[in-house]
C-alpha atoms as a PDB file:
ATOM      1  CA  UNK A   1      36.508   9.753  51.841  1.00  0.00           C
ATOM      2  CA  UNK A   2      33.400   7.839  50.828  1.00  0.00           C
ATOM      3  CA  UNK A   3      31.752  11.001  49.633  1.00  0.00           C
ATOM      4  CA  UNK A   4      34.789  11.776  47.487  1.00  0.00           C
ATOM      5  CA  UNK A   5      34.711   8.415  45.834  1.00  0.00           C
ATOM      6  CA  UNK A   6      30.929   8.559  45.208  1.00  0.00           C
ATOM      7  CA  UNK A   7      31.318  11.976  43.575  1.00  0.00           C
ATOM      8  CA  UNK A   8      34.146  10.935  41.321  1.00  0.00           C
ATOM      9  CA  UNK A   9      32.366   7.752  40.413  1.00  0.00           C
ATOM     10  CA  UNK A  10      29.166   9.691  39.437  1.00  0.00           C
ATOM     11  CA  UNK A  11      31.257  11.925  37.147  1.00  0.00           C
ATOM     12  CA  UNK A  12      32.800   8.994  35.235  1.00  0.00           C
ATOM     13  CA  UNK A  13      31.074   7.187  32.428  1.00  0.00           C
ATOM     14  CA  UNK A  14      30.490   3.421  32.651  1.00  0.00           C
ATOM     15  CA  UNK A  15      33.734   1.465  32.141  1.00  0.00           C
ATOM     16  CA  UNK A  16      32.356  -0.268  29.075  1.00  0.00           C
ATOM     17  CA  UNK A  17      31.703   3.040  27.406  1.00  0.00           C
ATOM     18  CA  UNK A  18      35.118   4.474  28.369  1.00  0.00           C
ATOM     19  CA  UNK A  19      37.191   1.603  26.953  1.00  0.00           C
ATOM     20  CA  UNK A  20      35.336   1.249  23.686  1.00  0.00           C
ATOM     21  CA  UNK A  21      37.003   2.427  20.489  1.00  0.00           C
ATOM     22  CA  UNK A  22      35.434   4.675  17.865  1.00  0.00           C
ATOM     23  CA  UNK A  23      34.551   1.593  15.758  1.00  0.00           C
ATOM     24  CA  UNK A  24      33.002  -0.035  18.795  1.00  0.00           C
ATOM     25  CA  UNK A  25      30.689   2.945  19.251  1.00  0.00           C
ATOM     26  CA  UNK A  26      29.912   2.995  15.523  1.00  0.00           C
ATOM     27  CA  UNK A  27      28.891  -0.745  15.787  1.00  0.00           C
ATOM     28  CA  UNK A  28      26.580   0.046  18.726  1.00  0.00           C
ATOM     29  CA  UNK A  29      24.970   2.791  16.636  1.00  0.00           C
ATOM     30  CA  UNK A  30      24.530   0.475  13.660  1.00  0.00           C
ATOM     31  CA  UNK A  31      22.805  -2.123  15.889  1.00  0.00           C
ATOM     32  CA  UNK A  32      20.548   0.567  17.449  1.00  0.00           C
ATOM     33  CA  UNK A  33      19.631   1.817  13.951  1.00  0.00           C
ATOM     34  CA  UNK A  34      18.873  -1.699  12.659  1.00  0.00           C
ATOM     35  CA  UNK A  35      16.759  -2.623  15.596  1.00  0.00           C
ATOM     36  CA  UNK A  36      14.792   0.593  15.225  1.00  0.00           C
ATOM     37  CA  UNK A  37      14.298  -0.019  11.577  1.00  0.00           C
ATOM     38  CA  UNK A  38      12.993  -3.569  12.317  1.00  0.00           C
ATOM     39  CA  UNK A  39      10.528  -2.194  14.921  1.00  0.00           C
ATOM     40  CA  UNK A  40       9.284   0.423  12.512  1.00  0.00           C
ATOM     41  CA  UNK A  41       9.040  -2.075   9.727  1.00  0.00           C
ATOM     42  CA  UNK A  42       6.879  -4.514  11.773  1.00  0.00           C
ATOM     43  CA  UNK A  43       4.649  -1.571  12.864  1.00  0.00           C
ATOM     44  CA  UNK A  44       4.392  -0.486   9.321  1.00  0.00           C
ATOM     45  CA  UNK A  45       2.969  -3.935   8.134  1.00  0.00           C
ATOM     46  CA  UNK A  46       0.394  -3.741  11.072  1.00  0.00           C
ATOM     47  CA  UNK A  47      -0.568  -0.329  10.299  1.00  0.00           C
ATOM     48  CA  UNK A  48      -1.124  -1.037   6.568  1.00  0.00           C
ATOM     49  CA  UNK A  49      -3.858  -3.540   7.612  1.00  0.00           C
ATOM     50  CA  UNK A  50      -5.544  -0.834   9.857  1.00  0.00           C
ATOM     51  CA  UNK A  51      -4.950   2.118   7.582  1.00  0.00           C
ATOM     52  CA  UNK A  52      -8.706   2.831   7.454  1.00  0.00           C
ATOM     53  CA  UNK A  53      -8.822   3.191  11.260  1.00  0.00           C
ATOM     54  CA  UNK A  54      -5.897   5.590  11.115  1.00  0.00           C
ATOM     55  CA  UNK A  55      -7.666   7.647   8.413  1.00  0.00           C
ATOM     56  CA  UNK A  56     -10.715   7.812  10.700  1.00  0.00           C
ATOM     57  CA  UNK A  57      -8.486   9.152  13.528  1.00  0.00           C
ATOM     58  CA  UNK A  58      -7.012  11.795  11.107  1.00  0.00           C
ATOM     59  CA  UNK A  59     -10.450  12.781   9.871  1.00  0.00           C
ATOM     60  CA  UNK A  60     -11.662  13.705  13.375  1.00  0.00           C
ATOM     61  CA  UNK A  61     -10.670  17.386  13.161  1.00  0.00           C
ATOM     62  CA  UNK A  62     -12.410  17.596   9.818  1.00  0.00           C
ATOM     63  CA  UNK A  63     -15.650  16.257  11.190  1.00  0.00           C
ATOM     64  CA  UNK A  64     -15.623  18.728  14.016  1.00  0.00           C
ATOM     65  CA  UNK A  65     -14.912  21.997  12.088  1.00  0.00           C
ATOM     66  CA  UNK A  66     -18.315  23.259  13.241  1.00  0.00           C
ATOM     67  CA  UNK A  67     -17.520  22.829  16.949  1.00  0.00           C
ATOM     68  CA  UNK A  68     -17.370  26.491  17.664  1.00  0.00           C
ATOM     69  CA  UNK A  69     -20.326  27.432  15.517  1.00  0.00           C
ATOM     70  CA  UNK A  70     -24.039  27.304  16.473  1.00  0.00           C
ATOM     71  CA  UNK A  71     -25.708  24.726  14.189  1.00  0.00           C
ATOM     72  CA  UNK A  72     -28.204  25.946  11.555  1.00  0.00           C
ATOM     73  CA  UNK A  73     -30.931  24.233   9.619  1.00  0.00           C
ATOM     74  CA  UNK A  74     -29.709  22.569   6.464  1.00  0.00           C
ATOM     75  CA  UNK A  75     -31.420  20.932   3.517  1.00  0.00           C
ATOM     76  CA  UNK A  76     -29.935  18.284   1.090  1.00  0.00           C
ATOM     77  CA  UNK A  77     -31.376  17.535  -2.357  1.00  0.00           C
ATOM     78  CA  UNK A  78     -30.964  13.979  -3.631  1.00  0.00           C
ATOM     79  CA  UNK A  79     -31.217  13.350  -7.427  1.00  0.00           C
ATOM     80  CA  UNK A  80     -30.929   9.636  -8.129  1.00  0.00           C
ATOM     81  CA  UNK A  81     -27.826   8.445  -6.264  1.00  0.00           C
ATOM     82  CA  UNK A  82     -26.246  11.942  -6.088  1.00  0.00           C
ATOM     83  CA  UNK A  83     -26.701  14.454  -3.261  1.00  0.00           C
ATOM     84  CA  UNK A  84     -26.484  18.210  -3.523  1.00  0.00           C
ATOM     85  CA  UNK A  85     -25.781  20.073  -0.342  1.00  0.00           C
ATOM     86  CA  UNK A  86     -26.244  20.458   2.456  1.00  0.00           C
ATOM     87  CA  UNK A  87     -27.485  24.053   2.099  1.00  0.00           C
ATOM     88  CA  UNK A  88     -28.048  26.332   5.052  1.00  0.00           C
ATOM     89  CA  UNK A  89     -31.611  27.630   4.960  1.00  0.00           C
ATOM     90  CA  UNK A  90     -34.170  29.535   7.164  1.00  0.00           C
ATOM     91  CA  UNK A  91     -37.580  28.556   8.328  1.00  0.00           C
ATOM     92  CA  UNK A  92     -38.860  31.356   6.183  1.00  0.00           C
ATOM     93  CA  UNK A  93     -37.538  29.521   3.142  1.00  0.00           C
ATOM     94  CA  UNK A  94     -38.682  26.059   4.285  1.00  0.00           C
ATOM     95  CA  UNK A  95     -41.637  26.383   6.665  1.00  0.00           C
ATOM     96  CA  UNK A  96     -42.020  22.584   6.766  1.00  0.00           C
ATOM     97  CA  UNK A  97     -38.779  22.014   8.508  1.00  0.00           C
ATOM     98  CA  UNK A  98     -38.985  19.571  11.550  1.00  0.00           C
ATOM     99  CA  UNK A  99     -38.956  21.111  14.897  1.00  0.00           C
ATOM    100  CA  UNK A 100     -35.628  21.774  16.632  1.00  0.00           C
ATOM    101  CA  UNK A 101     -32.818  24.338  16.521  1.00  0.00           C
ATOM    102  CA  UNK A 102     -30.911  22.734  13.595  1.00  0.00           C
ATOM    103  CA  UNK A 103     -32.855  20.124  11.777  1.00  0.00           C
ATOM    104  CA  UNK A 104     -31.408  18.530   8.691  1.00  0.00           C
ATOM    105  CA  UNK A 105     -33.704  17.290   6.092  1.00  0.00           C
ATOM    106  CA  UNK A 106     -33.231  15.405   2.753  1.00  0.00           C
ATOM    107  CA  UNK A 107     -35.555  15.997  -0.246  1.00  0.00           C
ATOM    108  CA  UNK A 108     -35.558  13.541  -3.101  1.00  0.00           C
ATOM    109  CA  UNK A 109     -36.129  15.264  -6.404  1.00  0.00           C
ATOM    110  CA  UNK A 110     -38.246  13.346  -8.793  1.00  0.00           C
ATOM    111  CA  UNK A 111     -40.966  13.806 -11.387  1.00  0.00           C
ATOM    112  CA  UNK A 112     -44.651  12.902 -11.699  1.00  0.00           C
ATOM    113  CA  UNK A 113     -47.103  13.204 -14.586  1.00  0.00           C
ATOM    114  CA  UNK A 114     -49.804  15.953 -14.450  1.00  0.00           C
ATOM    115  CA  UNK A 115     -51.956  15.829 -17.393  1.00  0.00           C
ATOM    116  CA  UNK A 116     -49.730  15.744 -20.464  1.00  0.00           C
ATOM    117  CA  UNK A 117     -46.712  17.140 -18.597  1.00  0.00           C
ATOM    118  CA  UNK A 118     -44.090  16.098 -16.187  1.00  0.00           C
ATOM    119  CA  UNK A 119     -43.694  18.125 -13.047  1.00  0.00           C
ATOM    120  CA  UNK A 120     -40.865  18.103 -10.553  1.00  0.00           C
ATOM    121  CA  UNK A 121     -41.599  16.590  -7.142  1.00  0.00           C
ATOM    122  CA  UNK A 122     -39.888  16.864  -3.776  1.00  0.00           C
ATOM    123  CA  UNK A 123     -40.155  13.802  -1.380  1.00  0.00           C
ATOM    124  CA  UNK A 124     -39.068  14.154   2.266  1.00  0.00           C
ATOM    125  CA  UNK A 125     -36.580  11.406   3.169  1.00  0.00           C
ATOM    126  CA  UNK A 126     -35.455  10.416   6.645  1.00  0.00           C
ATOM    127  CA  UNK A 127     -31.902  11.281   7.482  1.00  0.00           C
ATOM    128  CA  UNK A 128     -30.304   8.820   9.945  1.00  0.00           C
ATOM    129  CA  UNK A 129     -27.022  10.725  10.219  1.00  0.00           C
ATOM    130  CA  UNK A 130     -27.692  14.501  10.200  1.00  0.00           C
ATOM    131  CA  UNK A 131     -24.855  16.440   8.534  1.00  0.00           C
ATOM    132  CA  UNK A 132     -23.516  19.756   9.632  1.00  0.00           C
ATOM    133  CA  UNK A 133     -23.480  23.020   7.764  1.00  0.00           C
ATOM    134  CA  UNK A 134     -20.077  22.039   6.449  1.00  0.00           C
ATOM    135  CA  UNK A 135     -19.525  18.618   5.058  1.00  0.00           C
ATOM    136  CA  UNK A 136     -16.106  18.477   3.481  1.00  0.00           C
ATOM    137  CA  UNK A 137     -15.538  15.348   1.330  1.00  0.00           C
ATOM    138  CA  UNK A 138     -12.180  13.760   0.659  1.00  0.00           C
ATOM    139  CA  UNK A 139     -11.589  12.216  -2.722  1.00  0.00           C
ATOM    140  CA  UNK A 140      -8.906  10.211  -4.669  1.00  0.00           C
ATOM    141  CA  UNK A 141      -8.389  11.445  -8.152  1.00  0.00           C
ATOM    142  CA  UNK A 142      -6.199   8.714  -9.535  1.00  0.00           C
ATOM    143  CA  UNK A 143      -6.029   4.879  -9.670  1.00  0.00           C
ATOM    144  CA  UNK A 144      -3.104   4.649  -7.337  1.00  0.00           C
ATOM    145  CA  UNK A 145      -3.948   7.452  -4.936  1.00  0.00           C
ATOM    146  CA  UNK A 146      -5.806   5.038  -2.580  1.00  0.00           C
ATOM    147  CA  UNK A 147      -2.588   2.924  -2.249  1.00  0.00           C
ATOM    148  CA  UNK A 148      -0.596   6.010  -1.712  1.00  0.00           C
ATOM    149  CA  UNK A 149      -2.828   7.356   1.084  1.00  0.00           C
ATOM    150  CA  UNK A 150      -2.846   4.031   2.758  1.00  0.00           C
ATOM    151  CA  UNK A 151       1.007   3.932   2.697  1.00  0.00           C
ATOM    152  CA  UNK A 152       1.354   7.375   3.872  1.00  0.00           C
ATOM    153  CA  UNK A 153      -0.834   6.970   6.939  1.00  0.00           C
ATOM    154  CA  UNK A 154       0.701   3.583   7.665  1.00  0.00           C
ATOM    155  CA  UNK A 155       4.158   5.330   7.810  1.00  0.00           C
ATOM    156  CA  UNK A 156       2.934   7.965  10.226  1.00  0.00           C
ATOM    157  CA  UNK A 157       1.148   5.276  12.322  1.00  0.00           C
ATOM    158  CA  UNK A 158       4.272   3.057  12.419  1.00  0.00           C
ATOM    159  CA  UNK A 159       6.446   5.788  13.705  1.00  0.00           C
ATOM    160  CA  UNK A 160       3.990   6.494  16.591  1.00  0.00           C
ATOM    161  CA  UNK A 161       3.293   2.851  17.257  1.00  0.00           C
ATOM    162  CA  UNK A 162       6.998   1.855  17.416  1.00  0.00           C
ATOM    163  CA  UNK A 163       8.088   5.004  19.202  1.00  0.00           C
ATOM    164  CA  UNK A 164       8.656   3.267  22.603  1.00  0.00           C
ATOM    165  CA  UNK A 165      11.007   0.776  20.940  1.00  0.00           C
ATOM    166  CA  UNK A 166      13.190   3.084  18.813  1.00  0.00           C
ATOM    167  CA  UNK A 167      13.351   5.592  21.623  1.00  0.00           C
ATOM    168  CA  UNK A 168      14.621   2.781  23.865  1.00  0.00           C
ATOM    169  CA  UNK A 169      17.120   1.591  21.311  1.00  0.00           C
ATOM    170  CA  UNK A 170      18.515   5.054  20.695  1.00  0.00           C
ATOM    171  CA  UNK A 171      18.560   5.849  24.422  1.00  0.00           C
ATOM    172  CA  UNK A 172      20.504   2.635  25.150  1.00  0.00           C
ATOM    173  CA  UNK A 173      23.191   3.783  22.790  1.00  0.00           C
ATOM    174  CA  UNK A 174      23.339   7.334  24.261  1.00  0.00           C
ATOM    175  CA  UNK A 175      22.972   6.855  28.019  1.00  0.00           C
ATOM    176  CA  UNK A 176      26.087   4.691  28.572  1.00  0.00           C
ATOM    177  CA  UNK A 177      28.134   7.625  27.580  1.00  0.00           C
ATOM    178  CA  UNK A 178      26.651   9.843  30.346  1.00  0.00           C
ATOM    179  CA  UNK A 179      27.781   9.745  34.073  1.00  0.00           C
ATOM    180  CA  UNK A 180      25.233   9.297  36.905  1.00  0.00           C
ATOM    181  CA  UNK A 181      24.820  13.053  37.541  1.00  0.00           C
ATOM    182  CA  UNK A 182      24.188  13.800  33.881  1.00  0.00           C
ATOM    183  CA  UNK A 183      21.518  11.031  33.740  1.00  0.00           C
ATOM    184  CA  UNK A 184      19.812  12.331  36.819  1.00  0.00           C
ATOM    185  CA  UNK A 185      19.702  15.910  35.245  1.00  0.00           C
ATOM    186  CA  UNK A 186      18.531  14.874  31.822  1.00  0.00           C
ATOM    187  CA  UNK A 187      15.551  12.798  33.030  1.00  0.00           C
ATOM    188  CA  UNK A 188      13.397  15.789  34.281  1.00  0.00           C
ATOM    189  CA  UNK A 189      14.181  17.649  30.984  1.00  0.00           C
ATOM    190  CA  UNK A 190      13.217  14.650  28.942  1.00  0.00           C
ATOM    191  CA  UNK A 191       9.969  14.310  30.881  1.00  0.00           C
ATOM    192  CA  UNK A 192       9.178  17.978  30.369  1.00  0.00           C
ATOM    193  CA  UNK A 193      10.111  17.668  26.667  1.00  0.00           C
ATOM    194  CA  UNK A 194       7.632  14.743  26.149  1.00  0.00           C
ATOM    195  CA  UNK A 195       4.995  16.632  28.137  1.00  0.00           C
ATOM    196  CA  UNK A 196       5.262  19.739  25.895  1.00  0.00           C
ATOM    197  CA  UNK A 197       5.306  17.611  22.772  1.00  0.00           C
ATOM    198  CA  UNK A 198       2.082  15.885  23.848  1.00  0.00           C
ATOM    199  CA  UNK A 199       0.574  19.232  24.672  1.00  0.00           C
ATOM    200  CA  UNK A 200       1.317  20.645  21.297  1.00  0.00           C
ATOM    201  CA  UNK A 201      -0.001  17.558  19.538  1.00  0.00           C
ATOM    202  CA  UNK A 202      -3.239  17.311  21.521  1.00  0.00           C
ATOM    203  CA  UNK A 203      -3.992  21.052  21.416  1.00  0.00           C
ATOM    204  CA  UNK A 204      -3.555  20.972  17.629  1.00  0.00           C
ATOM    205  CA  UNK A 205      -5.526  17.948  17.186  1.00  0.00           C
ATOM    206  CA  UNK A 206      -8.516  18.971  19.198  1.00  0.00           C
ATOM    207  CA  UNK A 207      -8.436  22.710  18.931  1.00  0.00           C
ATOM    208  CA  UNK A 208      -6.187  24.349  16.306  1.00  0.00           C
ATOM    209  CA  UNK A 209      -6.877  21.996  13.445  1.00  0.00           C
ATOM    210  CA  UNK A 210     -10.607  22.411  13.377  1.00  0.00           C
ATOM    211  CA  UNK A 211     -10.175  26.123  13.484  1.00  0.00           C
ATOM    212  CA  UNK A 212      -7.560  26.130  10.696  1.00  0.00           C
ATOM    213  CA  UNK A 213      -9.644  23.696   8.490  1.00  0.00           C
ATOM    214  CA  UNK A 214     -12.812  25.879   9.012  1.00  0.00           C
ATOM    215  CA  UNK A 215     -10.866  29.010   8.093  1.00  0.00           C
ATOM    216  CA  UNK A 216      -9.582  27.254   4.930  1.00  0.00           C
ATOM    217  CA  UNK A 217     -13.110  26.353   3.880  1.00  0.00           C
ATOM    218  CA  UNK A 218     -14.361  29.971   4.535  1.00  0.00           C
ATOM    219  CA  UNK A 219     -11.464  31.536   2.700  1.00  0.00           C
ATOM    220  CA  UNK A 220     -11.851  29.248  -0.394  1.00  0.00           C
ATOM    221  CA  UNK A 221     -15.621  30.139  -0.533  1.00  0.00           C
ATOM    222  CA  UNK A 222     -14.654  33.927  -0.132  1.00  0.00           C
ATOM    223  CA  UNK A 223     -12.571  33.470  -3.262  1.00  0.00           C
ATOM    224  CA  UNK A 224     -15.419  31.969  -5.121  1.00  0.00           C
ATOM    225  CA  UNK A 225     -14.137  28.315  -5.097  1.00  0.00           C
ATOM    226  CA  UNK A 226     -15.798  25.106  -3.756  1.00  0.00           C
ATOM    227  CA  UNK A 227     -14.054  24.543  -0.497  1.00  0.00           C
ATOM    228  CA  UNK A 228     -15.936  21.350   0.312  1.00  0.00           C
ATOM    229  CA  UNK A 229     -14.109  18.876  -1.777  1.00  0.00           C
ATOM    230  CA  UNK A 230     -10.348  18.059  -1.099  1.00  0.00           C
ATOM    231  CA  UNK A 231      -7.861  15.656  -2.248  1.00  0.00           C
ATOM    232  CA  UNK A 232      -7.354  12.932   0.458  1.00  0.00           C
ATOM    233  CA  UNK A 233      -3.480  12.848   0.134  1.00  0.00           C
ATOM    234  CA  UNK A 234      -3.224  16.553   0.466  1.00  0.00           C
ATOM    235  CA  UNK A 235      -5.385  16.568   3.640  1.00  0.00           C
ATOM    236  CA  UNK A 236      -3.340  13.764   5.227  1.00  0.00           C
ATOM    237  CA  UNK A 237      -0.176  15.557   4.449  1.00  0.00           C
ATOM    238  CA  UNK A 238      -1.552  18.824   5.776  1.00  0.00           C
ATOM    239  CA  UNK A 239      -2.782  17.309   9.116  1.00  0.00           C
ATOM    240  CA  UNK A 240       0.276  15.204   9.839  1.00  0.00           C
ATOM    241  CA  UNK A 241       2.733  18.032   9.103  1.00  0.00           C
ATOM    242  CA  UNK A 242       0.704  20.379  11.171  1.00  0.00           C
ATOM    243  CA  UNK A 243       0.500  18.045  14.159  1.00  0.00           C
ATOM    244  CA  UNK A 244       4.190  17.128  14.041  1.00  0.00           C
ATOM    245  CA  UNK A 245       5.312  20.718  13.408  1.00  0.00           C
ATOM    246  CA  UNK A 246       3.359  21.895  16.506  1.00  0.00           C
ATOM    247  CA  UNK A 247       4.816  19.103  18.666  1.00  0.00           C
ATOM    248  CA  UNK A 248       8.336  20.108  17.562  1.00  0.00           C
ATOM    249  CA  UNK A 249       7.488  23.770  17.974  1.00  0.00           C
ATOM    250  CA  UNK A 250       6.562  23.150  21.542  1.00  0.00           C
ATOM    251  CA  UNK A 251      10.180  22.096  22.228  1.00  0.00           C
ATOM    252  CA  UNK A 252      11.302  25.803  21.873  1.00  0.00           C
ATOM    253  CA  UNK A 253      11.005  26.518  25.620  1.00  0.00           C
ATOM    254  CA  UNK A 254      13.129  23.504  26.399  1.00  0.00           C
ATOM    255  CA  UNK A 255      15.823  24.888  24.225  1.00  0.00           C
ATOM    256  CA  UNK A 256      15.556  28.379  25.637  1.00  0.00           C
ATOM    257  CA  UNK A 257      15.511  27.199  29.325  1.00  0.00           C
ATOM    258  CA  UNK A 258      18.504  24.852  28.710  1.00  0.00           C
ATOM    259  CA  UNK A 259      20.487  27.860  27.432  1.00  0.00           C
ATOM    260  CA  UNK A 260      19.480  29.797  30.533  1.00  0.00           C
ATOM    261  CA  UNK A 261      20.661  26.897  32.825  1.00  0.00           C
ATOM    262  CA  UNK A 262      23.929  26.796  30.978  1.00  0.00           C
ATOM    263  CA  UNK A 263      24.467  30.545  31.577  1.00  0.00           C
ATOM    264  CA  UNK A 264      24.293  31.381  27.872  1.00  0.00           C
ATOM    265  CA  UNK A 265      21.130  33.459  28.230  1.00  0.00           C
ATOM    266  CA  UNK A 266      19.861  35.601  31.077  1.00  0.00           C
ATOM    267  CA  UNK A 267      16.487  36.997  32.093  1.00  0.00           C
ATOM    268  CA  UNK A 268      17.353  40.472  30.713  1.00  0.00           C
ATOM    269  CA  UNK A 269      18.496  39.063  27.434  1.00  0.00           C
ATOM    270  CA  UNK A 270      15.259  37.111  27.043  1.00  0.00           C
ATOM    271  CA  UNK A 271      13.272  40.211  27.746  1.00  0.00           C
ATOM    272  CA  UNK A 272      15.401  42.259  25.294  1.00  0.00           C
ATOM    273  CA  UNK A 273      14.886  39.840  22.379  1.00  0.00           C
ATOM    274  CA  UNK A 274      10.968  39.679  22.613  1.00  0.00           C
ATOM    275  CA  UNK A 275      10.533  41.370  19.225  1.00  0.00           C
ATOM    276  CA  UNK A 276      13.128  39.223  17.531  1.00  0.00           C
ATOM    277  CA  UNK A 277      11.424  36.043  18.940  1.00  0.00           C
ATOM    278  CA  UNK A 278       8.063  37.245  17.632  1.00  0.00           C
ATOM    279  CA  UNK A 279       9.401  37.265  14.153  1.00  0.00           C
ATOM    280  CA  UNK A 280      11.274  33.968  14.660  1.00  0.00           C
ATOM    281  CA  UNK A 281       8.006  32.318  15.707  1.00  0.00           C
ATOM    282  CA  UNK A 282       6.403  33.109  12.397  1.00  0.00           C
ATOM    283  CA  UNK A 283       9.536  31.839  10.544  1.00  0.00           C
ATOM    284  CA  UNK A 284       9.468  28.593  12.481  1.00  0.00           C
ATOM    285  CA  UNK A 285       5.759  28.415  11.834  1.00  0.00           C
ATOM    286  CA  UNK A 286       6.419  28.525   8.086  1.00  0.00           C
ATOM    287  CA  UNK A 287       9.203  25.986   8.353  1.00  0.00           C
ATOM    288  CA  UNK A 288       7.590  23.358  10.616  1.00  0.00           C
ATOM    289  CA  UNK A 289       4.109  23.519   9.233  1.00  0.00           C
ATOM    290  CA  UNK A 290       2.481  23.914   5.900  1.00  0.00           C
ATOM    291  CA  UNK A 291       3.315  27.122   3.906  1.00  0.00           C
ATOM    292  CA  UNK A 292       0.056  29.069   4.370  1.00  0.00           C
ATOM    293  CA  UNK A 293      -0.858  31.926   6.697  1.00  0.00           C
ATOM    294  CA  UNK A 294      -3.495  30.192   8.879  1.00  0.00           C
ATOM    295  CA  UNK A 295      -1.271  27.353  10.251  1.00  0.00           C
ATOM    296  CA  UNK A 296       1.604  29.741  10.580  1.00  0.00           C
ATOM    297  CA  UNK A 297      -0.361  32.129  12.824  1.00  0.00           C
ATOM    298  CA  UNK A 298      -1.833  29.139  14.734  1.00  0.00           C
ATOM    299  CA  UNK A 299       1.653  27.974  15.563  1.00  0.00           C
ATOM    300  CA  UNK A 300       3.433  31.349  16.117  1.00  0.00           C
ATOM    301  CA  UNK A 301       0.995  32.578  18.687  1.00  0.00           C
ATOM    302  CA  UNK A 302       1.443  29.583  21.105  1.00  0.00           C
ATOM    303  CA  UNK A 303       5.179  29.620  20.577  1.00  0.00           C
ATOM    304  CA  UNK A 304       5.481  33.260  21.566  1.00  0.00           C
ATOM    305  CA  UNK A 305       3.269  32.772  24.627  1.00  0.00           C
ATOM    306  CA  UNK A 306       5.625  29.917  25.680  1.00  0.00           C
ATOM    307  CA  UNK A 307       8.533  32.258  25.246  1.00  0.00           C
ATOM    308  CA  UNK A 308       6.836  34.710  27.581  1.00  0.00           C
ATOM    309  CA  UNK A 309       6.581  31.879  30.105  1.00  0.00           C
ATOM    310  CA  UNK A 310      10.301  31.186  29.716  1.00  0.00           C
ATOM    311  CA  UNK A 311      11.079  34.846  30.525  1.00  0.00           C
ATOM    312  CA  UNK A 312       9.238  34.530  33.868  1.00  0.00           C
ATOM    313  CA  UNK A 313      10.821  31.202  34.683  1.00  0.00           C
ATOM    314  CA  UNK A 314      14.273  32.672  34.005  1.00  0.00           C
ATOM    315  CA  UNK A 315      13.356  35.608  36.254  1.00  0.00           C
ATOM    316  CA  UNK A 316      12.419  33.290  39.017  1.00  0.00           C
ATOM    317  CA  UNK A 317      15.630  31.197  38.756  1.00  0.00           C
ATOM    318  CA  UNK A 318      17.762  34.338  38.780  1.00  0.00           C
ATOM    319  CA  UNK A 319      15.768  35.592  41.822  1.00  0.00           C
ATOM    320  CA  UNK A 320      16.459  32.227  43.655  1.00  0.00           C
ATOM    321  CA  UNK A 321      20.122  32.465  42.882  1.00  0.00           C
ATOM    322  CA  UNK A 322      20.364  36.094  43.962  1.00  0.00           C
ATOM    323  CA  UNK A 323      18.702  35.197  47.385  1.00  0.00           C
ATOM    324  CA  UNK A 324      21.140  32.295  47.722  1.00  0.00           C
ATOM    325  CA  UNK A 325      24.108  34.627  47.071  1.00  0.00           C
ATOM    326  CA  UNK A 326      25.148  32.932  43.800  1.00  0.00           C
ATOM    327  CA  UNK A 327      24.579  36.059  41.808  1.00  0.00           C
ATOM    328  CA  UNK A 328      25.972  39.564  43.008  1.00  0.00           C
ATOM    329  CA  UNK A 329      24.569  42.683  41.530  1.00  0.00           C
ATOM    330  CA  UNK A 330      27.252  44.916  40.356  1.00  0.00           C
END
């Protein structure tokens, strides 16, 4: 008798949630949104003061676009306060390069009198911070672009910094409507969703972004353009959209496996729609990231591999059910 009471209690929402009217739920939603907005606003003010630190974090993939390439000797020429380069050279071209696999030297171009004429001179300068073979520079091309970049990175930083608070407020609004069994079932799925989101973000930040940025530079130079000078605001938007898009794209297995658990999809259906999902991965890559081929491919490939993992998981679940007698082959 006690078991029956426990089961019925677990399937019933909390009394406070059951007796509330529509307007009462709407008021709870309004409070949750207001509290979330306040948390984001406070985080936004803090992030504006530390916008330069956030920019340095977002520049990390840009400064590591040579991580998969063997370093090469480079030379930079300094004319007054301006620098030209660095340029990749060989020891045959510059026999006086310092020892090492990939030295970087800076020559100051000047002039000196020789008789009645002026001749060009090269003076070797010490380089405290050697640059790589690719040194992409970010620029602002307008009087307000600096403020725009600071505000953009502050918004992205505020959403991340305040995420524990607005997730808590929104969750406090949703969870009372669920019974005990539903809460117990949703917790593992939420943990896996968060794990996949972080996996997508970190893999993009440390691996995919350096590859995509390097490919962008190489393709620009292949077309005959200078690929080493970018607009700062464009770079910030590119990086943040790519990272967020990959995090959302890695939620695709959660959706697929939920449909399998609900009985909407089966292992055979997942295997049948392989080709369709391959095309869908590229479509989602175009919608969730920037509209260019490199990032679309970088997102589509991991998404399709995750789908293949979903097929094997669905096969394992059906195998367990068949052994338990819950599925009968006809």
